[in-house]
Amino acid sequence: MKTVKILGSGCKRCVAAADMAQQAAHRLGIAITLEKVTDHAAIAAYGVAATPCVVVDGKVVHAGGLPSHENMTKWLAA
């Protein structure tokens, strides 16, 4: 099971990124644990300046803006 964290304020793009992760996991037939991180100190601990950020299994794979569906699928399939 993969752990996916969406770092951000909870804006529309952050919500869309979380939905995208769930949809990609469903398409791939894999289980994920999805966590939405909105605490500014916790986000800063990842060393990112722009949100939303996508963290897969502890590794920041995307920062700033909405990722593409293709990239989200690639990150979850790896």
PDB file of N, CA and C in Angstrom:
ATOM      1  N   MET A   1       0.841  -1.172   0.000  1.00  0.00           N
ATOM      2  CA  MET A   1       0.000   0.000   0.000  1.00  0.00           C
ATOM      3  C   MET A   1       0.892   1.242   0.000  1.00  0.00           C
ATOM      4  N   LYS A   2       0.580   2.158  -0.880  1.00  0.00           N
ATOM      5  CA  LYS A   2       1.331   3.402  -0.970  1.00  0.00           C
ATOM      6  C   LYS A   2       0.691   4.452  -0.069  1.00  0.00           C
ATOM      7  N   THR A   3       1.538   5.331   0.434  1.00  0.00           N
ATOM      8  CA  THR A   3       1.076   6.459   1.226  1.00  0.00           C
ATOM      9  C   THR A   3       1.224   7.716   0.382  1.00  0.00           C
ATOM     10  N   VAL A   4       0.132   8.435   0.214  1.00  0.00           N
ATOM     11  CA  VAL A   4       0.124   9.659  -0.587  1.00  0.00           C
ATOM     12  C   VAL A   4      -0.306  10.807   0.315  1.00  0.00           C
ATOM     13  N   LYS A   5       0.475  11.876   0.299  1.00  0.00           N
ATOM     14  CA  LYS A   5       0.124  13.077   1.042  1.00  0.00           C
ATOM     15  C   LYS A   5      -0.021  14.221   0.054  1.00  0.00           C
ATOM     16  N   ILE A   6      -1.081  14.987   0.234  1.00  0.00           N
ATOM     17  CA  ILE A   6      -1.285  16.202  -0.543  1.00  0.00           C
ATOM     18  C   ILE A   6      -1.040  17.358   0.413  1.00  0.00           C
ATOM     19  N   LEU A   7      -0.019  18.144   0.135  1.00  0.00           N
ATOM     20  CA  LEU A   7       0.331  19.274   0.980  1.00  0.00           C
ATOM     21  C   LEU A   7      -0.258  20.537   0.391  1.00  0.00           C
ATOM     22  N   GLY A   8      -0.993  21.291   1.212  1.00  0.00           N
ATOM     23  CA  GLY A   8      -1.565  22.540   0.739  1.00  0.00           C
ATOM     24  C   GLY A   8      -2.605  23.078   1.687  1.00  0.00           C
ATOM     25  N   SER A   9      -3.142  24.212   1.332  1.00  0.00           N
ATOM     26  CA  SER A   9      -4.076  24.933   2.190  1.00  0.00           C
ATOM     27  C   SER A   9      -5.487  24.360   2.190  1.00  0.00           C
ATOM     28  N   GLY A  10      -5.768  23.475   1.254  1.00  0.00           N
ATOM     29  CA  GLY A  10      -7.122  22.965   1.106  1.00  0.00           C
ATOM     30  C   GLY A  10      -7.880  23.669  -0.011  1.00  0.00           C
ATOM     31  N   CYS A  11      -7.142  24.370  -0.863  1.00  0.00           N
ATOM     32  CA  CYS A  11      -7.742  25.096  -1.983  1.00  0.00           C
ATOM     33  C   CYS A  11      -8.306  24.115  -3.018  1.00  0.00           C
ATOM     34  N   LYS A  12      -8.935  24.650  -4.040  1.00  0.00           N
ATOM     35  CA  LYS A  12      -9.532  23.820  -5.090  1.00  0.00           C
ATOM     36  C   LYS A  12      -8.499  22.923  -5.759  1.00  0.00           C
ATOM     37  N   ARG A  13      -7.296  23.449  -6.007  1.00  0.00           N
ATOM     38  CA  ARG A  13      -6.254  22.630  -6.635  1.00  0.00           C
ATOM     39  C   ARG A  13      -5.799  21.497  -5.718  1.00  0.00           C
ATOM     40  N   CYS A  14      -5.755  21.767  -4.415  1.00  0.00           N
ATOM     41  CA  CYS A  14      -5.363  20.723  -3.454  1.00  0.00           C
ATOM     42  C   CYS A  14      -6.411  19.605  -3.430  1.00  0.00           C
ATOM     43  N   VAL A  15      -7.668  19.994  -3.419  1.00  0.00           N
ATOM     44  CA  VAL A  15      -8.755  19.014  -3.436  1.00  0.00           C
ATOM     45  C   VAL A  15      -8.724  18.223  -4.737  1.00  0.00           C
ATOM     46  N   ALA A  16      -8.479  18.920  -5.854  1.00  0.00           N
ATOM     47  CA  ALA A  16      -8.410  18.246  -7.155  1.00  0.00           C
ATOM     48  C   ALA A  16      -7.243  17.260  -7.204  1.00  0.00           C
ATOM     49  N   ALA A  17      -6.105  17.615  -6.609  1.00  0.00           N
ATOM     50  CA  ALA A  17      -4.955  16.714  -6.584  1.00  0.00           C
ATOM     51  C   ALA A  17      -5.268  15.463  -5.765  1.00  0.00           C
ATOM     52  N   ALA A  18      -5.969  15.625  -4.659  1.00  0.00           N
ATOM     53  CA  ALA A  18      -6.358  14.471  -3.838  1.00  0.00           C
ATOM     54  C   ALA A  18      -7.319  13.574  -4.602  1.00  0.00           C
ATOM     55  N   ASP A  19      -8.289  14.179  -5.286  1.00  0.00           N
ATOM     56  CA  ASP A  19      -9.230  13.401  -6.097  1.00  0.00           C
ATOM     57  C   ASP A  19      -8.499  12.667  -7.217  1.00  0.00           C
ATOM     58  N   MET A  20      -7.530  13.344  -7.824  1.00  0.00           N
ATOM     59  CA  MET A  20      -6.756  12.747  -8.901  1.00  0.00           C
ATOM     60  C   MET A  20      -5.979  11.523  -8.397  1.00  0.00           C
ATOM     61  N   ALA A  21      -5.420  11.615  -7.198  1.00  0.00           N
ATOM     62  CA  ALA A  21      -4.677  10.488  -6.620  1.00  0.00           C
ATOM     63  C   ALA A  21      -5.607   9.303  -6.384  1.00  0.00           C
ATOM     64  N   GLN A  22      -6.791   9.572  -5.865  1.00  0.00           N
ATOM     65  CA  GLN A  22      -7.749   8.492  -5.625  1.00  0.00           C
ATOM     66  C   GLN A  22      -8.189   7.846  -6.933  1.00  0.00           C
ATOM     67  N   GLN A  23      -8.441   8.651  -7.952  1.00  0.00           N
ATOM     68  CA  GLN A  23      -8.859   8.121  -9.246  1.00  0.00           C
ATOM     69  C   GLN A  23      -7.753   7.291  -9.890  1.00  0.00           C
ATOM     70  N   ALA A  24      -6.505   7.770  -9.807  1.00  0.00           N
ATOM     71  CA  ALA A  24      -5.379   7.041 -10.395  1.00  0.00           C
ATOM     72  C   ALA A  24      -5.190   5.704  -9.679  1.00  0.00           C
ATOM     73  N   ALA A  25      -5.313   5.696  -8.365  1.00  0.00           N
ATOM     74  CA  ALA A  25      -5.181   4.450  -7.607  1.00  0.00           C
ATOM     75  C   ALA A  25      -6.283   3.475  -7.995  1.00  0.00           C
ATOM     76  N   HIS A  26      -7.482   3.984  -8.174  1.00  0.00           N
ATOM     77  CA  HIS A  26      -8.606   3.126  -8.578  1.00  0.00           C
ATOM     78  C   HIS A  26      -8.360   2.522  -9.959  1.00  0.00           C
ATOM     79  N   ARG A  27      -7.900   3.350 -10.902  1.00  0.00           N
ATOM     80  CA  ARG A  27      -7.609   2.857 -12.251  1.00  0.00           C
ATOM     81  C   ARG A  27      -6.512   1.795 -12.233  1.00  0.00           C
ATOM     82  N   LEU A  28      -5.522   1.983 -11.360  1.00  0.00           N
ATOM     83  CA  LEU A  28      -4.417   1.032 -11.269  1.00  0.00           C
ATOM     84  C   LEU A  28      -4.768  -0.204 -10.447  1.00  0.00           C
ATOM     85  N   GLY A  29      -5.862  -0.116  -9.696  1.00  0.00           N
ATOM     86  CA  GLY A  29      -6.262  -1.237  -8.856  1.00  0.00           C
ATOM     87  C   GLY A  29      -5.369  -1.420  -7.641  1.00  0.00           C
ATOM     88  N   ILE A  30      -4.838  -0.299  -7.132  1.00  0.00           N
ATOM     89  CA  ILE A  30      -3.990  -0.368  -5.947  1.00  0.00           C
ATOM     90  C   ILE A  30      -4.634   0.393  -4.793  1.00  0.00           C
ATOM     91  N   ALA A  31      -4.264   0.009  -3.586  1.00  0.00           N
ATOM     92  CA  ALA A  31      -4.761   0.688  -2.394  1.00  0.00           C
ATOM     93  C   ALA A  31      -3.756   1.764  -1.993  1.00  0.00           C
ATOM     94  N   ILE A  32      -4.280   2.919  -1.605  1.00  0.00           N
ATOM     95  CA  ILE A  32      -3.425   3.987  -1.100  1.00  0.00           C
ATOM     96  C   ILE A  32      -4.000   4.499   0.213  1.00  0.00           C
ATOM     97  N   THR A  33      -3.128   5.056   1.014  1.00  0.00           N
ATOM     98  CA  THR A  33      -3.537   5.823   2.180  1.00  0.00           C
ATOM     99  C   THR A  33      -3.336   7.274   1.791  1.00  0.00           C
ATOM    100  N   LEU A  34      -4.415   8.059   1.812  1.00  0.00           N
ATOM    101  CA  LEU A  34      -4.359   9.450   1.383  1.00  0.00           C
ATOM    102  C   LEU A  34      -4.490  10.356   2.591  1.00  0.00           C
ATOM    103  N   GLU A  35      -3.554  11.278   2.716  1.00  0.00           N
ATOM    104  CA  GLU A  35      -3.583  12.243   3.818  1.00  0.00           C
ATOM    105  C   GLU A  35      -3.469  13.641   3.238  1.00  0.00           C
ATOM    106  N   LYS A  36      -4.324  14.536   3.718  1.00  0.00           N
ATOM    107  CA  LYS A  36      -4.258  15.937   3.310  1.00  0.00           C
ATOM    108  C   LYS A  36      -3.585  16.707   4.444  1.00  0.00           C
ATOM    109  N   VAL A  37      -2.452  17.311   4.143  1.00  0.00           N
ATOM    110  CA  VAL A  37      -1.672  18.038   5.131  1.00  0.00           C
ATOM    111  C   VAL A  37      -1.862  19.531   4.903  1.00  0.00           C
ATOM    112  N   THR A  38      -2.454  20.213   5.892  1.00  0.00           N
ATOM    113  CA  THR A  38      -2.721  21.644   5.758  1.00  0.00           C
ATOM    114  C   THR A  38      -1.924  22.486   6.753  1.00  0.00           C
ATOM    115  N   ASP A  39      -1.245  21.854   7.687  1.00  0.00           N
ATOM    116  CA  ASP A  39      -0.463  22.569   8.686  1.00  0.00           C
ATOM    117  C   ASP A  39       0.779  23.176   8.037  1.00  0.00           C
ATOM    118  N   HIS A  40       0.938  24.492   8.195  1.00  0.00           N
ATOM    119  CA  HIS A  40       2.032  25.199   7.522  1.00  0.00           C
ATOM    120  C   HIS A  40       3.405  24.696   7.965  1.00  0.00           C
ATOM    121  N   ALA A  41       3.574  24.398   9.238  1.00  0.00           N
ATOM    122  CA  ALA A  41       4.866  23.900   9.732  1.00  0.00           C
ATOM    123  C   ALA A  41       5.178  22.530   9.136  1.00  0.00           C
ATOM    124  N   ALA A  42       4.172  21.677   9.036  1.00  0.00           N
ATOM    125  CA  ALA A  42       4.368  20.342   8.457  1.00  0.00           C
ATOM    126  C   ALA A  42       4.715  20.445   6.977  1.00  0.00           C
ATOM    127  N   ILE A  43       4.075  21.375   6.271  1.00  0.00           N
ATOM    128  CA  ILE A  43       4.369  21.575   4.847  1.00  0.00           C
ATOM    129  C   ILE A  43       5.798  22.104   4.688  1.00  0.00           C
ATOM    130  N   ALA A  44       6.178  23.067   5.513  1.00  0.00           N
ATOM    131  CA  ALA A  44       7.521  23.651   5.441  1.00  0.00           C
ATOM    132  C   ALA A  44       8.596  22.606   5.721  1.00  0.00           C
ATOM    133  N   ALA A  45       8.275  21.609   6.532  1.00  0.00           N
ATOM    134  CA  ALA A  45       9.249  20.561   6.853  1.00  0.00           C
ATOM    135  C   ALA A  45       9.659  19.771   5.614  1.00  0.00           C
ATOM    136  N   TYR A  46       8.834  19.783   4.586  1.00  0.00           N
ATOM    137  CA  TYR A  46       9.171  19.092   3.336  1.00  0.00           C
ATOM    138  C   TYR A  46      10.055  19.950   2.436  1.00  0.00           C
ATOM    139  N   GLY A  47      10.279  21.214   2.805  1.00  0.00           N
ATOM    140  CA  GLY A  47      11.161  22.086   2.036  1.00  0.00           C
ATOM    141  C   GLY A  47      10.558  22.590   0.743  1.00  0.00           C
ATOM    142  N   VAL A  48       9.250  22.677   0.684  1.00  0.00           N
ATOM    143  CA  VAL A  48       8.593  23.153  -0.532  1.00  0.00           C
ATOM    144  C   VAL A  48       8.042  24.555  -0.309  1.00  0.00           C
ATOM    145  N   ALA A  49       7.995  25.329  -1.378  1.00  0.00           N
ATOM    146  CA  ALA A  49       7.518  26.696  -1.282  1.00  0.00           C
ATOM    147  C   ALA A  49       6.164  26.883  -1.965  1.00  0.00           C
ATOM    148  N   ALA A  50       5.843  26.017  -2.917  1.00  0.00           N
ATOM    149  CA  ALA A  50       4.602  26.159  -3.678  1.00  0.00           C
ATOM    150  C   ALA A  50       3.729  24.927  -3.468  1.00  0.00           C
ATOM    151  N   THR A  51       2.436  25.161  -3.386  1.00  0.00           N
ATOM    152  CA  THR A  51       1.490  24.057  -3.217  1.00  0.00           C
ATOM    153  C   THR A  51       0.471  24.110  -4.342  1.00  0.00           C
ATOM    154  N   PRO A  52      -0.244  23.042  -4.607  1.00  0.00           N
ATOM    155  CA  PRO A  52      -0.210  21.784  -3.886  1.00  0.00           C
ATOM    156  C   PRO A  52       1.041  20.966  -4.201  1.00  0.00           C
ATOM    157  N   CYS A  53       1.407  20.150  -3.238  1.00  0.00           N
ATOM    158  CA  CYS A  53       2.527  19.230  -3.394  1.00  0.00           C
ATOM    159  C   CYS A  53       2.002  17.809  -3.253  1.00  0.00           C
ATOM    160  N   VAL A  54       2.618  16.914  -3.968  1.00  0.00           N
ATOM    161  CA  VAL A  54       2.271  15.498  -3.884  1.00  0.00           C
ATOM    162  C   VAL A  54       3.490  14.764  -3.332  1.00  0.00           C
ATOM    163  N   VAL A  55       3.256  14.017  -2.260  1.00  0.00           N
ATOM    164  CA  VAL A  55       4.320  13.230  -1.633  1.00  0.00           C
ATOM    165  C   VAL A  55       3.883  11.770  -1.700  1.00  0.00           C
ATOM    166  N   VAL A  56       4.708  10.930  -2.310  1.00  0.00           N
ATOM    167  CA  VAL A  56       4.401   9.504  -2.422  1.00  0.00           C
ATOM    168  C   VAL A  56       5.465   8.730  -1.654  1.00  0.00           C
ATOM    169  N   ASP A  57       5.015   7.982  -0.667  1.00  0.00           N
ATOM    170  CA  ASP A  57       5.916   7.187   0.175  1.00  0.00           C
ATOM    171  C   ASP A  57       7.087   8.013   0.706  1.00  0.00           C
ATOM    172  N   GLY A  58       6.775   9.237   1.166  1.00  0.00           N
ATOM    173  CA  GLY A  58       7.762  10.093   1.798  1.00  0.00           C
ATOM    174  C   GLY A  58       8.611  10.931   0.863  1.00  0.00           C
ATOM    175  N   LYS A  59       8.431  10.793  -0.441  1.00  0.00           N
ATOM    176  CA  LYS A  59       9.227  11.533  -1.418  1.00  0.00           C
ATOM    177  C   LYS A  59       8.359  12.567  -2.135  1.00  0.00           C
ATOM    178  N   VAL A  60       8.809  13.818  -2.143  1.00  0.00           N
ATOM    179  CA  VAL A  60       8.089  14.870  -2.872  1.00  0.00           C
ATOM    180  C   VAL A  60       8.277  14.610  -4.360  1.00  0.00           C
ATOM    181  N   VAL A  61       7.163  14.369  -5.058  1.00  0.00           N
ATOM    182  CA  VAL A  61       7.232  14.099  -6.490  1.00  0.00           C
ATOM    183  C   VAL A  61       6.709  15.260  -7.327  1.00  0.00           C
ATOM    184  N   HIS A  62       6.012  16.208  -6.668  1.00  0.00           N
ATOM    185  CA  HIS A  62       5.465  17.345  -7.409  1.00  0.00           C
ATOM    186  C   HIS A  62       5.248  18.496  -6.445  1.00  0.00           C
ATOM    187  N   ALA A  63       5.561  19.711  -6.891  1.00  0.00           N
ATOM    188  CA  ALA A  63       5.307  20.907  -6.085  1.00  0.00           C
ATOM    189  C   ALA A  63       4.839  22.037  -6.984  1.00  0.00           C
ATOM    190  N   GLY A  64       3.753  22.660  -6.599  1.00  0.00           N
ATOM    191  CA  GLY A  64       3.245  23.833  -7.301  1.00  0.00           C
ATOM    192  C   GLY A  64       2.368  23.500  -8.483  1.00  0.00           C
ATOM    193  N   GLY A  65       1.117  23.875  -8.398  1.00  0.00           N
ATOM    194  CA  GLY A  65       0.184  23.630  -9.489  1.00  0.00           C
ATOM    195  C   GLY A  65      -0.371  22.216  -9.479  1.00  0.00           C
ATOM    196  N   LEU A  66      -1.306  22.009 -10.339  1.00  0.00           N
ATOM    197  CA  LEU A  66      -1.971  20.712 -10.435  1.00  0.00           C
ATOM    198  C   LEU A  66      -1.154  19.784 -11.334  1.00  0.00           C
ATOM    199  N   PRO A  67      -0.821  18.595 -10.857  1.00  0.00           N
ATOM    200  CA  PRO A  67      -0.068  17.659 -11.698  1.00  0.00           C
ATOM    201  C   PRO A  67      -0.960  17.089 -12.800  1.00  0.00           C
ATOM    202  N   SER A  68      -0.335  16.502 -13.798  1.00  0.00           N
ATOM    203  CA  SER A  68      -1.109  15.863 -14.864  1.00  0.00           C
ATOM    204  C   SER A  68      -1.591  14.495 -14.396  1.00  0.00           C
ATOM    205  N   HIS A  69      -2.662  14.021 -15.017  1.00  0.00           N
ATOM    206  CA  HIS A  69      -3.182  12.685 -14.705  1.00  0.00           C
ATOM    207  C   HIS A  69      -2.131  11.622 -15.019  1.00  0.00           C
ATOM    208  N   GLU A  70      -1.402  11.835 -16.106  1.00  0.00           N
ATOM    209  CA  GLU A  70      -0.387  10.861 -16.513  1.00  0.00           C
ATOM    210  C   GLU A  70       0.712  10.748 -15.472  1.00  0.00           C
ATOM    211  N   ASN A  71       1.168  11.891 -14.962  1.00  0.00           N
ATOM    212  CA  ASN A  71       2.222  11.855 -13.952  1.00  0.00           C
ATOM    213  C   ASN A  71       1.732  11.217 -12.653  1.00  0.00           C
ATOM    214  N   MET A  72       0.517  11.537 -12.246  1.00  0.00           N
ATOM    215  CA  MET A  72      -0.023  10.949 -11.015  1.00  0.00           C
ATOM    216  C   MET A  72      -0.075   9.429 -11.138  1.00  0.00           C
ATOM    217  N   THR A  73      -0.521   8.955 -12.278  1.00  0.00           N
ATOM    218  CA  THR A  73      -0.582   7.511 -12.508  1.00  0.00           C
ATOM    219  C   THR A  73       0.821   6.902 -12.480  1.00  0.00           C
ATOM    220  N   LYS A  74       1.776   7.569 -13.103  1.00  0.00           N
ATOM    221  CA  LYS A  74       3.161   7.104 -13.131  1.00  0.00           C
ATOM    222  C   LYS A  74       3.741   7.011 -11.717  1.00  0.00           C
ATOM    223  N   TRP A  75       3.507   8.037 -10.903  1.00  0.00           N
ATOM    224  CA  TRP A  75       4.046   8.051  -9.537  1.00  0.00           C
ATOM    225  C   TRP A  75       3.453   6.936  -8.690  1.00  0.00           C
ATOM    226  N   LEU A  76       2.182   6.683  -8.862  1.00  0.00           N
ATOM    227  CA  LEU A  76       1.542   5.644  -8.055  1.00  0.00           C
ATOM    228  C   LEU A  76       1.891   4.242  -8.556  1.00  0.00           C
ATOM    229  N   ALA A  77       2.171   4.114  -9.838  1.00  0.00           N
ATOM    230  CA  ALA A  77       2.500   2.807 -10.395  1.00  0.00           C
ATOM    231  C   ALA A  77       3.940   2.401 -10.067  1.00  0.00           C
ATOM    232  N   ALA A  78       4.803   3.379  -9.800  1.00  0.00           N
ATOM    233  CA  ALA A  78       6.226   3.076  -9.538  1.00  0.00           C
ATOM    234  C   ALA A  78       6.415   2.292  -8.251  1.00  0.00           C
TER     235      ALA A  78
END
